C-alpha atoms as a PDB file:
ATOM      1  CA  MET A   1     -15.648   5.765  15.046  1.00  0.00           C
ATOM      2  CA  PRO A   2     -15.071   8.787  17.322  1.00  0.00           C
ATOM      3  CA  LYS A   3     -17.333   8.968  20.345  1.00  0.00           C
ATOM      4  CA  ARG A   4     -19.881  11.750  20.098  1.00  0.00           C
ATOM      5  CA  LEU A   5     -19.491  13.063  23.646  1.00  0.00           C
ATOM      6  CA  GLN A   6     -15.810  12.451  24.218  1.00  0.00           C
ATOM      7  CA  ASP A   7     -14.508  14.250  27.338  1.00  0.00           C
ATOM      8  CA  ARG A   8     -17.767  16.035  28.046  1.00  0.00           C
ATOM      9  CA  VAL A   9     -19.182  15.836  31.559  1.00  0.00           C
ATOM     10  CA  ALA A  10     -22.732  14.684  32.200  1.00  0.00           C
ATOM     11  CA  LEU A  11     -24.724  14.733  35.437  1.00  0.00           C
ATOM     12  CA  VAL A  12     -27.687  12.359  35.615  1.00  0.00           C
ATOM     13  CA  THR A  13     -30.046  12.535  38.585  1.00  0.00           C
ATOM     14  CA  GLY A  14     -31.926   9.464  39.744  1.00  0.00           C
ATOM     15  CA  ALA A  15     -29.371   7.348  37.895  1.00  0.00           C
ATOM     16  CA  GLY A  16     -29.213   4.402  40.270  1.00  0.00           C
ATOM     17  CA  GLY A  17     -31.752   2.381  38.290  1.00  0.00           C
ATOM     18  CA  GLY A  18     -34.288   2.341  35.479  1.00  0.00           C
ATOM     19  CA  ILE A  19     -34.186   5.096  32.880  1.00  0.00           C
ATOM     20  CA  GLY A  20     -31.558   7.125  34.743  1.00  0.00           C
ATOM     21  CA  ARG A  21     -29.170   4.190  34.892  1.00  0.00           C
ATOM     22  CA  SER A  22     -29.615   3.537  31.169  1.00  0.00           C
ATOM     23  CA  GLU A  23     -29.030   7.225  30.425  1.00  0.00           C
ATOM     24  CA  ALA A  24     -25.826   7.265  32.465  1.00  0.00           C
ATOM     25  CA  LEU A  25     -24.497   4.126  30.777  1.00  0.00           C
ATOM     26  CA  ALA A  26     -25.404   5.377  27.307  1.00  0.00           C
ATOM     27  CA  LEU A  27     -23.781   8.783  27.880  1.00  0.00           C
ATOM     28  CA  ALA A  28     -20.642   7.054  29.168  1.00  0.00           C
ATOM     29  CA  ALA A  29     -20.566   4.780  26.127  1.00  0.00           C
ATOM     30  CA  GLU A  30     -20.287   7.925  23.978  1.00  0.00           C
ATOM     31  CA  GLY A  31     -17.269   9.144  25.959  1.00  0.00           C
ATOM     32  CA  ALA A  32     -18.853  11.389  28.591  1.00  0.00           C
ATOM     33  CA  LYS A  33     -17.604  11.460  32.148  1.00  0.00           C
ATOM     34  CA  ILE A  34     -20.566  10.802  34.437  1.00  0.00           C
ATOM     35  CA  VAL A  35     -21.819  11.924  37.813  1.00  0.00           C
ATOM     36  CA  VAL A  36     -24.304   9.278  38.940  1.00  0.00           C
ATOM     37  CA  ASN A  37     -26.689  10.953  41.375  1.00  0.00           C
ATOM     38  CA  ASP A  38     -29.135   8.842  43.378  1.00  0.00           C
ATOM     39  CA  ILE A  39     -30.258   8.978  47.006  1.00  0.00           C
ATOM     40  CA  GLY A  40     -31.047   5.258  46.946  1.00  0.00           C
ATOM     41  CA  THR A  41     -34.619   5.111  48.270  1.00  0.00           C
ATOM     42  CA  SER A  42     -37.666   3.219  47.034  1.00  0.00           C
ATOM     43  CA  SER A  43     -39.671   4.350  44.029  1.00  0.00           C
ATOM     44  CA  SER A  44     -42.235   5.932  46.357  1.00  0.00           C
ATOM     45  CA  GLY A  45     -39.537   7.823  48.255  1.00  0.00           C
ATOM     46  CA  ILE A  46     -40.906   6.681  51.625  1.00  0.00           C
ATOM     47  CA  ASP A  47     -39.952   3.013  52.059  1.00  0.00           C
ATOM     48  CA  GLY A  48     -36.684   1.774  53.494  1.00  0.00           C
ATOM     49  CA  GLU A  49     -33.401   3.421  54.348  1.00  0.00           C
ATOM     50  CA  ALA A  50     -31.428   5.420  51.815  1.00  0.00           C
ATOM     51  CA  SER A  51     -28.595   3.409  50.286  1.00  0.00           C
ATOM     52  CA  HIS A  52     -25.432   4.311  48.402  1.00  0.00           C
ATOM     53  CA  THR A  53     -25.455   0.971  46.628  1.00  0.00           C
ATOM     54  CA  PRO A  54     -27.529   1.823  43.503  1.00  0.00           C
ATOM     55  CA  ALA A  55     -25.335   4.781  42.476  1.00  0.00           C
ATOM     56  CA  GLU A  56     -22.121   2.938  43.342  1.00  0.00           C
ATOM     57  CA  GLN A  57     -23.159  -0.064  41.241  1.00  0.00           C
ATOM     58  CA  VAL A  58     -23.789   2.108  38.188  1.00  0.00           C
ATOM     59  CA  VAL A  59     -20.431   3.835  38.675  1.00  0.00           C
ATOM     60  CA  GLU A  60     -18.765   0.426  38.793  1.00  0.00           C
ATOM     61  CA  GLU A  61     -20.524  -0.636  35.578  1.00  0.00           C
ATOM     62  CA  ILE A  62     -19.233   2.468  33.832  1.00  0.00           C
ATOM     63  CA  LYS A  63     -15.690   1.945  35.094  1.00  0.00           C
ATOM     64  CA  GLN A  64     -15.675  -1.707  34.071  1.00  0.00           C
ATOM     65  CA  ALA A  65     -16.608  -0.588  30.563  1.00  0.00           C
ATOM     66  CA  GLY A  66     -13.618   1.771  30.506  1.00  0.00           C
ATOM     67  CA  GLY A  67     -15.417   4.994  31.405  1.00  0.00           C
ATOM     68  CA  GLU A  68     -15.067   7.581  34.168  1.00  0.00           C
ATOM     69  CA  ALA A  69     -17.731   8.172  36.779  1.00  0.00           C
ATOM     70  CA  ILE A  70     -18.311   9.205  40.371  1.00  0.00           C
ATOM     71  CA  PRO A  71     -21.343   8.651  42.610  1.00  0.00           C
ATOM     72  CA  ASN A  72     -23.336  11.344  44.379  1.00  0.00           C
ATOM     73  CA  PHE A  73     -25.990  10.715  47.016  1.00  0.00           C
ATOM     74  CA  ASP A  74     -27.505  14.166  47.634  1.00  0.00           C
ATOM     75  CA  SER A  75     -31.172  15.091  47.176  1.00  0.00           C
ATOM     76  CA  VAL A  76     -32.178  17.304  44.266  1.00  0.00           C
ATOM     77  CA  ALA A  77     -35.246  18.382  46.244  1.00  0.00           C
ATOM     78  CA  ASP A  78     -33.110  20.359  48.684  1.00  0.00           C
ATOM     79  CA  HIS A  79     -31.929  23.703  47.331  1.00  0.00           C
ATOM     80  CA  ALA A  80     -28.544  23.673  49.065  1.00  0.00           C
ATOM     81  CA  SER A  81     -27.925  20.015  48.225  1.00  0.00           C
ATOM     82  CA  ALA A  82     -28.643  20.678  44.554  1.00  0.00           C
ATOM     83  CA  GLU A  83     -26.005  23.394  44.538  1.00  0.00           C
ATOM     84  CA  GLY A  84     -23.647  20.928  46.188  1.00  0.00           C
ATOM     85  CA  ILE A  85     -24.251  18.357  43.455  1.00  0.00           C
ATOM     86  CA  ILE A  86     -23.157  20.848  40.815  1.00  0.00           C
ATOM     87  CA  GLN A  87     -20.115  21.821  42.865  1.00  0.00           C
ATOM     88  CA  ALA A  88     -19.161  18.173  43.375  1.00  0.00           C
ATOM     89  CA  THR A  89     -19.283  17.730  39.594  1.00  0.00           C
ATOM     90  CA  LEU A  90     -16.979  20.698  39.045  1.00  0.00           C
ATOM     91  CA  ASP A  91     -14.621  19.525  41.783  1.00  0.00           C
ATOM     92  CA  ALA A  92     -14.337  16.065  40.226  1.00  0.00           C
ATOM     93  CA  PHE A  93     -14.152  16.887  36.524  1.00  0.00           C
ATOM     94  CA  GLY A  94     -13.595  20.638  36.242  1.00  0.00           C
ATOM     95  CA  ARG A  95     -16.625  21.288  34.033  1.00  0.00           C
ATOM     96  CA  LEU A  96     -20.236  20.405  33.293  1.00  0.00           C
ATOM     97  CA  ASP A  97     -21.727  20.039  29.817  1.00  0.00           C
ATOM     98  CA  ILE A  98     -24.899  17.975  30.198  1.00  0.00           C
ATOM     99  CA  LEU A  99     -27.648  17.843  32.833  1.00  0.00           C
ATOM    100  CA  VAL A 100     -30.247  15.075  32.676  1.00  0.00           C
ATOM    101  CA  ASN A 101     -33.015  15.549  35.245  1.00  0.00           C
ATOM    102  CA  ASN A 102     -34.448  12.105  35.844  1.00  0.00           C
ATOM    103  CA  ALA A 103     -34.867  11.798  39.631  1.00  0.00           C
ATOM    104  CA  GLY A 104     -38.411  11.007  40.633  1.00  0.00           C
ATOM    105  CA  VAL A 105     -40.801   9.299  43.025  1.00  0.00           C
ATOM    106  CA  LEU A 106     -44.270   7.906  42.460  1.00  0.00           C
ATOM    107  CA  GLN A 107     -47.091   6.931  44.804  1.00  0.00           C
ATOM    108  CA  GLU A 108     -50.431   6.058  43.253  1.00  0.00           C
ATOM    109  CA  GLN A 109     -53.413   7.659  45.001  1.00  0.00           C
ATOM    110  CA  MET A 110     -56.831   8.926  44.015  1.00  0.00           C
ATOM    111  CA  VAL A 111     -57.104  12.698  44.319  1.00  0.00           C
ATOM    112  CA  TRP A 112     -59.357  12.752  47.392  1.00  0.00           C
ATOM    113  CA  ARG A 113     -56.830  10.632  49.322  1.00  0.00           C
ATOM    114  CA  ILE A 114     -53.621  12.513  48.536  1.00  0.00           C
ATOM    115  CA  SER A 115     -51.944  13.749  51.702  1.00  0.00           C
ATOM    116  CA  ASP A 116     -50.063  17.013  52.043  1.00  0.00           C
ATOM    117  CA  GLU A 117     -46.907  14.959  52.550  1.00  0.00           C
ATOM    118  CA  GLN A 118     -47.354  13.044  49.292  1.00  0.00           C
ATOM    119  CA  TRP A 119     -48.117  16.217  47.340  1.00  0.00           C
ATOM    120  CA  GLU A 120     -45.052  17.993  48.715  1.00  0.00           C
ATOM    121  CA  ARG A 121     -42.810  14.948  48.255  1.00  0.00           C
ATOM    122  CA  GLU A 122     -43.672  14.403  44.586  1.00  0.00           C
ATOM    123  CA  HIS A 123     -43.557  18.100  43.709  1.00  0.00           C
ATOM    124  CA  GLY A 124     -40.386  18.477  45.752  1.00  0.00           C
ATOM    125  CA  VAL A 125     -38.495  15.881  43.739  1.00  0.00           C
ATOM    126  CA  HIS A 126     -39.987  16.283  40.269  1.00  0.00           C
ATOM    127  CA  LEU A 127     -40.673  19.996  39.938  1.00  0.00           C
ATOM    128  CA  ASN A 128     -38.604  21.669  42.644  1.00  0.00           C
ATOM    129  CA  GLY A 129     -35.745  19.244  42.057  1.00  0.00           C
ATOM    130  CA  THR A 130     -35.688  19.910  38.335  1.00  0.00           C
ATOM    131  CA  PHE A 131     -35.721  23.652  38.959  1.00  0.00           C
ATOM    132  CA  ASN A 132     -32.981  23.446  41.595  1.00  0.00           C
ATOM    133  CA  MET A 133     -30.643  21.546  39.311  1.00  0.00           C
ATOM    134  CA  ILE A 134     -31.334  23.805  36.324  1.00  0.00           C
ATOM    135  CA  LYS A 135     -30.766  26.941  38.388  1.00  0.00           C
ATOM    136  CA  PHE A 136     -27.259  25.999  39.457  1.00  0.00           C
ATOM    137  CA  ALA A 137     -26.260  24.210  36.249  1.00  0.00           C
ATOM    138  CA  SER A 138     -27.378  27.198  34.167  1.00  0.00           C
ATOM    139  CA  GLN A 139     -24.942  29.432  36.035  1.00  0.00           C
ATOM    140  CA  VAL A 140     -22.132  27.217  34.762  1.00  0.00           C
ATOM    141  CA  PHE A 141     -23.585  26.837  31.275  1.00  0.00           C
ATOM    142  CA  ARG A 142     -24.154  30.569  30.858  1.00  0.00           C
ATOM    143  CA  GLN A 143     -20.533  31.365  31.641  1.00  0.00           C
ATOM    144  CA  GLN A 144     -19.220  28.830  29.119  1.00  0.00           C
ATOM    145  CA  LYS A 145     -21.984  29.642  26.579  1.00  0.00           C
ATOM    146  CA  SER A 146     -22.893  26.020  26.051  1.00  0.00           C
ATOM    147  CA  GLY A 147     -24.827  23.249  27.724  1.00  0.00           C
ATOM    148  CA  ARG A 148     -27.562  20.660  27.267  1.00  0.00           C
ATOM    149  CA  ILE A 149     -30.470  20.074  29.626  1.00  0.00           C
ATOM    150  CA  VAL A 150     -32.885  17.171  29.241  1.00  0.00           C
ATOM    151  CA  ASN A 151     -35.828  17.053  31.640  1.00  0.00           C
ATOM    152  CA  THR A 152     -38.188  14.170  32.345  1.00  0.00           C
ATOM    153  CA  ALA A 153     -41.884  14.934  32.044  1.00  0.00           C
ATOM    154  CA  SER A 154     -44.462  12.168  31.641  1.00  0.00           C
ATOM    155  CA  PRO A 155     -47.406  11.068  29.514  1.00  0.00           C
ATOM    156  CA  ALA A 156     -49.242  11.038  32.845  1.00  0.00           C
ATOM    157  CA  GLY A 157     -49.099  14.830  32.774  1.00  0.00           C
ATOM    158  CA  LEU A 158     -51.709  14.727  30.033  1.00  0.00           C
ATOM    159  CA  GLY A 159     -54.101  12.846  32.281  1.00  0.00           C
ATOM    160  CA  ALA A 160     -53.801   9.546  34.164  1.00  0.00           C
ATOM    161  CA  MET A 161     -56.151   8.170  36.784  1.00  0.00           C
ATOM    162  CA  GLY A 162     -54.739   8.022  40.306  1.00  0.00           C
ATOM    163  CA  HIS A 163     -51.764  10.292  39.644  1.00  0.00           C
ATOM    164  CA  ALA A 164     -52.884  13.855  40.406  1.00  0.00           C
ATOM    165  CA  SER A 165     -49.799  14.865  42.394  1.00  0.00           C
ATOM    166  CA  TYR A 166     -47.358  13.111  40.065  1.00  0.00           C
ATOM    167  CA  ALA A 167     -49.057  14.346  36.895  1.00  0.00           C
ATOM    168  CA  SER A 168     -49.252  17.971  38.005  1.00  0.00           C
ATOM    169  CA  ALA A 169     -45.581  17.974  38.989  1.00  0.00           C
ATOM    170  CA  LYS A 170     -44.587  16.448  35.666  1.00  0.00           C
ATOM    171  CA  GLU A 171     -46.658  18.910  33.671  1.00  0.00           C
ATOM    172  CA  GLY A 172     -44.950  21.667  35.628  1.00  0.00           C
ATOM    173  CA  VAL A 173     -41.678  20.259  34.322  1.00  0.00           C
ATOM    174  CA  ALA A 174     -42.994  20.594  30.763  1.00  0.00           C
ATOM    175  CA  GLY A 175     -43.868  24.261  31.290  1.00  0.00           C
ATOM    176  CA  LEU A 176     -40.547  24.893  33.015  1.00  0.00           C
ATOM    177  CA  THR A 177     -38.749  23.352  30.037  1.00  0.00           C
ATOM    178  CA  ARG A 178     -40.338  25.762  27.557  1.00  0.00           C
ATOM    179  CA  THR A 179     -39.484  28.794  29.686  1.00  0.00           C
ATOM    180  CA  VAL A 180     -35.911  27.736  30.461  1.00  0.00           C
ATOM    181  CA  ALA A 181     -35.371  27.254  26.725  1.00  0.00           C
ATOM    182  CA  LYS A 182     -36.326  30.882  26.158  1.00  0.00           C
ATOM    183  CA  ASP A 183     -34.144  32.099  29.030  1.00  0.00           C
ATOM    184  CA  LEU A 184     -31.031  30.176  28.026  1.00  0.00           C
ATOM    185  CA  GLY A 185     -31.246  29.703  24.256  1.00  0.00           C
ATOM    186  CA  ARG A 186     -29.416  32.986  23.587  1.00  0.00           C
ATOM    187  CA  TYR A 187     -26.391  31.573  25.418  1.00  0.00           C
ATOM    188  CA  GLY A 188     -26.068  28.450  23.271  1.00  0.00           C
ATOM    189  CA  ILE A 189     -27.884  26.250  25.791  1.00  0.00           C
ATOM    190  CA  THR A 190     -30.738  23.909  24.921  1.00  0.00           C
ATOM    191  CA  CYS A 191     -33.443  22.602  27.244  1.00  0.00           C
ATOM    192  CA  ASN A 192     -35.815  19.870  26.128  1.00  0.00           C
ATOM    193  CA  ALA A 193     -38.060  17.310  27.805  1.00  0.00           C
ATOM    194  CA  ILE A 194     -39.099  13.734  27.232  1.00  0.00           C
ATOM    195  CA  ARG A 195     -42.288  11.916  28.174  1.00  0.00           C
ATOM    196  CA  PRO A 196     -40.889   8.378  28.437  1.00  0.00           C
ATOM    197  CA  ALA A 197     -42.599   4.994  28.481  1.00  0.00           C
ATOM    198  CA  ALA A 198     -40.458   2.174  29.835  1.00  0.00           C
ATOM    199  CA  GLY A 199     -40.680  -0.813  32.133  1.00  0.00           C
ATOM    200  CA  THR A 200     -38.918   0.277  35.341  1.00  0.00           C
ATOM    201  CA  ARG A 201     -39.344  -0.382  39.051  1.00  0.00           C
ATOM    202  CA  MET A 202     -41.514   2.745  39.143  1.00  0.00           C
ATOM    203  CA  THR A 203     -43.962   1.653  36.445  1.00  0.00           C
ATOM    204  CA  VAL A 204     -44.105  -2.082  37.284  1.00  0.00           C
ATOM    205  CA  HIS A 205     -43.393  -1.911  41.022  1.00  0.00           C
ATOM    206  CA  PRO A 206     -45.461  -4.528  42.941  1.00  0.00           C
ATOM    207  CA  ASP A 207     -47.323  -1.721  44.704  1.00  0.00           C
ATOM    208  CA  LEU A 208     -48.700  -0.658  41.325  1.00  0.00           C
ATOM    209  CA  GLU A 209     -49.882  -4.072  40.149  1.00  0.00           C
ATOM    210  CA  GLY A 210     -53.435  -3.345  41.268  1.00  0.00           C
ATOM    211  CA  ASN A 211     -53.442  -0.151  39.217  1.00  0.00           C
ATOM    212  CA  LEU A 212     -52.018  -1.943  36.202  1.00  0.00           C
ATOM    213  CA  GLU A 213     -54.754  -4.554  36.470  1.00  0.00           C
ATOM    214  CA  ARG A 214     -57.408  -1.853  36.512  1.00  0.00           C
ATOM    215  CA  MET A 215     -55.762  -0.261  33.489  1.00  0.00           C
ATOM    216  CA  ARG A 216     -55.927  -3.573  31.636  1.00  0.00           C
ATOM    217  CA  GLU A 217     -59.623  -3.855  32.447  1.00  0.00           C
ATOM    218  CA  MET A 218     -60.164  -0.384  30.980  1.00  0.00           C
ATOM    219  CA  ARG A 219     -59.316  -1.591  27.469  1.00  0.00           C
ATOM    220  CA  THR A 220     -63.056  -1.618  26.788  1.00  0.00           C
ATOM    221  CA  ARG A 221     -63.311   2.006  27.940  1.00  0.00           C
ATOM    222  CA  PRO A 222     -61.341   4.009  25.373  1.00  0.00           C
ATOM    223  CA  GLY A 223     -60.509   7.636  25.946  1.00  0.00           C
ATOM    224  CA  GLN A 224     -59.594   7.323  29.630  1.00  0.00           C
ATOM    225  CA  PHE A 225     -56.157   8.766  28.904  1.00  0.00           C
ATOM    226  CA  ALA A 226     -55.532  12.157  27.353  1.00  0.00           C
ATOM    227  CA  ASP A 227     -52.591  10.744  25.397  1.00  0.00           C
ATOM    228  CA  PRO A 228     -53.377   7.942  22.901  1.00  0.00           C
ATOM    229  CA  ASP A 229     -49.754   6.752  23.115  1.00  0.00           C
ATOM    230  CA  LEU A 230     -50.070   6.299  26.870  1.00  0.00           C
ATOM    231  CA  GLU A 231     -53.346   4.450  26.430  1.00  0.00           C
ATOM    232  CA  GLU A 232     -51.859   2.161  23.804  1.00  0.00           C
ATOM    233  CA  ILE A 233     -48.787   1.287  25.851  1.00  0.00           C
ATOM    234  CA  VAL A 234     -49.979   1.235  29.449  1.00  0.00           C
ATOM    235  CA  LEU A 235     -53.102  -0.746  28.710  1.00  0.00           C
ATOM    236  CA  ALA A 236     -50.945  -3.400  27.103  1.00  0.00           C
ATOM    237  CA  GLY A 237     -50.280  -4.504  30.666  1.00  0.00           C
ATOM    238  CA  ASP A 238     -47.512  -7.084  30.549  1.00  0.00           C
ATOM    239  CA  GLY A 239     -46.157  -5.354  27.441  1.00  0.00           C
ATOM    240  CA  LEU A 240     -44.505  -2.882  29.789  1.00  0.00           C
ATOM    241  CA  LYS A 241     -42.073  -5.633  30.733  1.00  0.00           C
ATOM    242  CA  ALA A 242     -41.208  -6.579  27.178  1.00  0.00           C
ATOM    243  CA  ASP A 243     -37.741  -5.894  25.773  1.00  0.00           C
ATOM    244  CA  VAL A 244     -39.076  -3.240  23.419  1.00  0.00           C
ATOM    245  CA  PHE A 245     -39.876  -1.097  26.469  1.00  0.00           C
ATOM    246  CA  HIS A 246     -36.416  -1.462  27.983  1.00  0.00           C
ATOM    247  CA  PRO A 247     -35.157   1.868  29.389  1.00  0.00           C
ATOM    248  CA  SER A 248     -32.214   1.784  26.976  1.00  0.00           C
ATOM    249  CA  ASN A 249     -34.628   2.645  24.165  1.00  0.00           C
ATOM    250  CA  VAL A 250     -35.353   5.899  25.991  1.00  0.00           C
ATOM    251  CA  ALA A 251     -31.689   6.566  26.748  1.00  0.00           C
ATOM    252  CA  SER A 252     -30.589   6.520  23.118  1.00  0.00           C
ATOM    253  CA  PHE A 253     -32.715   9.525  22.231  1.00  0.00           C
ATOM    254  CA  VAL A 254     -31.696  11.401  25.376  1.00  0.00           C
ATOM    255  CA  VAL A 255     -28.053  10.941  24.402  1.00  0.00           C
ATOM    256  CA  TRP A 256     -28.794  12.175  20.886  1.00  0.00           C
ATOM    257  CA  LEU A 257     -30.353  15.358  22.288  1.00  0.00           C
ATOM    258  CA  CYS A 258     -26.985  16.001  23.946  1.00  0.00           C
ATOM    259  CA  THR A 259     -24.956  15.661  20.736  1.00  0.00           C
ATOM    260  CA  ASP A 260     -23.947  18.344  18.247  1.00  0.00           C
ATOM    261  CA  PRO A 261     -26.565  17.522  15.558  1.00  0.00           C
ATOM    262  CA  ALA A 262     -29.346  18.421  18.030  1.00  0.00           C
ATOM    263  CA  TYR A 263     -28.149  21.987  18.582  1.00  0.00           C
ATOM    264  CA  LYS A 264     -31.252  23.573  16.994  1.00  0.00           C
ATOM    265  CA  ILE A 265     -33.777  21.664  19.095  1.00  0.00           C
ATOM    266  CA  ASN A 266     -34.823  23.766  22.062  1.00  0.00           C
ATOM    267  CA  GLY A 267     -37.918  23.940  24.252  1.00  0.00           C
ATOM    268  CA  ARG A 268     -39.564  20.871  22.741  1.00  0.00           C
ATOM    269  CA  THR A 269     -41.173  17.833  24.336  1.00  0.00           C
ATOM    270  CA  PHE A 270     -40.854  14.319  22.946  1.00  0.00           C
ATOM    271  CA  TYR A 271     -42.600  11.014  23.497  1.00  0.00           C
ATOM    272  CA  VAL A 272     -39.962   8.281  23.774  1.00  0.00           C
ATOM    273  CA  GLY A 273     -40.803   4.635  24.334  1.00  0.00           C
ATOM    274  CA  GLY A 274     -40.532   1.254  22.687  1.00  0.00           C
ATOM    275  CA  ASP A 275     -39.843   1.681  18.986  1.00  0.00           C
ATOM    276  CA  ARG A 276     -41.402   5.147  18.774  1.00  0.00           C
ATOM    277  CA  ILE A 277     -40.090   8.694  19.063  1.00  0.00           C
ATOM    278  CA  GLY A 278     -42.707  11.406  18.753  1.00  0.00           C
ATOM    279  CA  LEU A 279     -42.642  15.203  18.811  1.00  0.00           C
ATOM    280  CA  TYR A 280     -45.535  16.766  20.741  1.00  0.00           C
ATOM    281  CA  SER A 281     -47.296  19.813  19.357  1.00  0.00           C
ATOM    282  CA  GLU A 282     -47.225  22.898  21.516  1.00  0.00           C
ATOM    283  CA  PRO A 283     -50.465  23.820  23.381  1.00  0.00           C
ATOM    284  CA  MET A 284     -52.746  26.062  21.376  1.00  0.00           C
ATOM    285  CA  VAL A 285     -56.350  27.213  21.400  1.00  0.00           C
ATOM    286  CA  LYS A 286     -58.395  24.518  19.661  1.00  0.00           C
ATOM    287  CA  SER A 287     -61.631  26.427  19.248  1.00  0.00           C
ATOM    288  CA  ALA A 288     -62.667  30.006  20.016  1.00  0.00           C
ATOM    289  CA  LEU A 289     -65.773  32.182  20.066  1.00  0.00           C
ATOM    290  CA  TYR A 290     -65.935  35.969  19.700  1.00  0.00           C
ATOM    291  CA  ARG A 291     -68.756  38.355  20.561  1.00  0.00           C
ATOM    292  CA  ASP A 292     -68.805  42.135  20.379  1.00  0.00           C
ATOM    293  CA  GLY A 293     -69.243  43.605  23.833  1.00  0.00           C
ATOM    294  CA  GLY A 294     -68.106  40.534  25.723  1.00  0.00           C
ATOM    295  CA  TRP A 295     -70.087  37.644  27.115  1.00  0.00           C
ATOM    296  CA  THR A 296     -73.190  37.055  29.214  1.00  0.00           C
ATOM    297  CA  LEU A 297     -74.402  33.695  30.492  1.00  0.00           C
ATOM    298  CA  ASP A 298     -77.338  33.731  28.028  1.00  0.00           C
ATOM    299  CA  ALA A 299     -75.019  34.478  25.118  1.00  0.00           C
ATOM    300  CA  ILE A 300     -72.783  31.593  26.113  1.00  0.00           C
ATOM    301  CA  ASP A 301     -75.820  29.277  26.290  1.00  0.00           C
ATOM    302  CA  ASP A 302     -76.844  30.293  22.778  1.00  0.00           C
ATOM    303  CA  LEU A 303     -73.488  29.738  21.102  1.00  0.00           C
ATOM    304  CA  ILE A 304     -71.451  27.225  23.043  1.00  0.00           C
ATOM    305  CA  GLU A 305     -73.297  23.962  22.390  1.00  0.00           C
ATOM    306  CA  SER A 306     -72.002  23.596  18.845  1.00  0.00           C
ATOM    307  CA  THR A 307     -68.386  24.121  19.948  1.00  0.00           C
ATOM    308  CA  PHE A 308     -67.273  23.460  23.510  1.00  0.00           C
ATOM    309  CA  LEU A 309     -70.051  20.988  24.376  1.00  0.00           C
ATOM    310  CA  SER A 310     -69.520  18.611  21.459  1.00  0.00           C
ATOM    311  CA  ASP A 311     -68.550  15.028  22.319  1.00  0.00           C
ATOM    312  CA  ASP A 312     -65.145  15.239  20.662  1.00  0.00           C
ATOM    313  CA  MET A 313     -64.278  18.237  22.862  1.00  0.00           C
ATOM    314  CA  ASN A 314     -65.223  16.421  26.079  1.00  0.00           C
ATOM    315  CA  PRO A 315     -63.776  12.892  26.152  1.00  0.00           C
ATOM    316  CA  ASN A 316     -63.666  12.985  29.969  1.00  0.00           C
ATOM    317  CA  ALA A 317     -67.264  14.080  30.542  1.00  0.00           C
ATOM    318  CA  PRO A 318     -68.703  12.619  33.783  1.00  0.00           C
ATOM    319  CA  GLU A 319     -70.981   9.614  33.436  1.00  0.00           C
ATOM    320  CA  GLY A 320     -74.707   9.950  34.049  1.00  0.00           C
END
């Protein structure tokens, strides 16, 4: 069987472990030449020294399987470094066909405790980093009139306790995806996003065990998550570590989005995890009221109770 991505060049950020590693290996298995980008820090982005080892190990795995790959250790969060990552790809392989934005950091914290440093760090990697890579990759893609971009959003972006900085950055990625798709679609370039669920060092890191335990306890409190899929999977607790939630199950769909049959799919967001692939609907107004002459506070009081104040419209209403 011919390989679906033979001789194409793919750049995967945050590919030293977890989902990114699985994506890099899966793309290589379909014949793509791979740039494995990873700065080699902890999942929080603040612990320990940066290491070249994670990216180099993935490169070695690809080479042992008969593929071609090079490591890259630059940060996507830095504008100039992001440009350098693209240039390093062109220098090594002469082209770029696929960009998978996976790099990320995560530090659990309730909203009133989030520091400026944490906010800037998580937005810097997830949102700024995704933008930086798209900006410079799109310059290459536009010239060749082809290219695939797959971004990594998160179910947490739809609401997850203790993840305000992470969730807002990830939901920014979702909005960026829709707009980039409109900017680049005319040039034969697609841009889509996934909201993955997989057992990785980020989701089951020891630092998060306390949060996971609280999530397990919340099984008797339905509706705490905006996304039923996230509630079903995260609250399973140890199920996150089961084989069905291996990152390779996410990688397969990411690879498919980069193949020829997916050429019509653009600007969409998918849930990918375990044995499920789901297409999210696009945001739309769920309920609306109209009144000639505009609105006063009294008019809103008179009409709103039967619509916006109903229980099904307010699953996150404060207690008491």
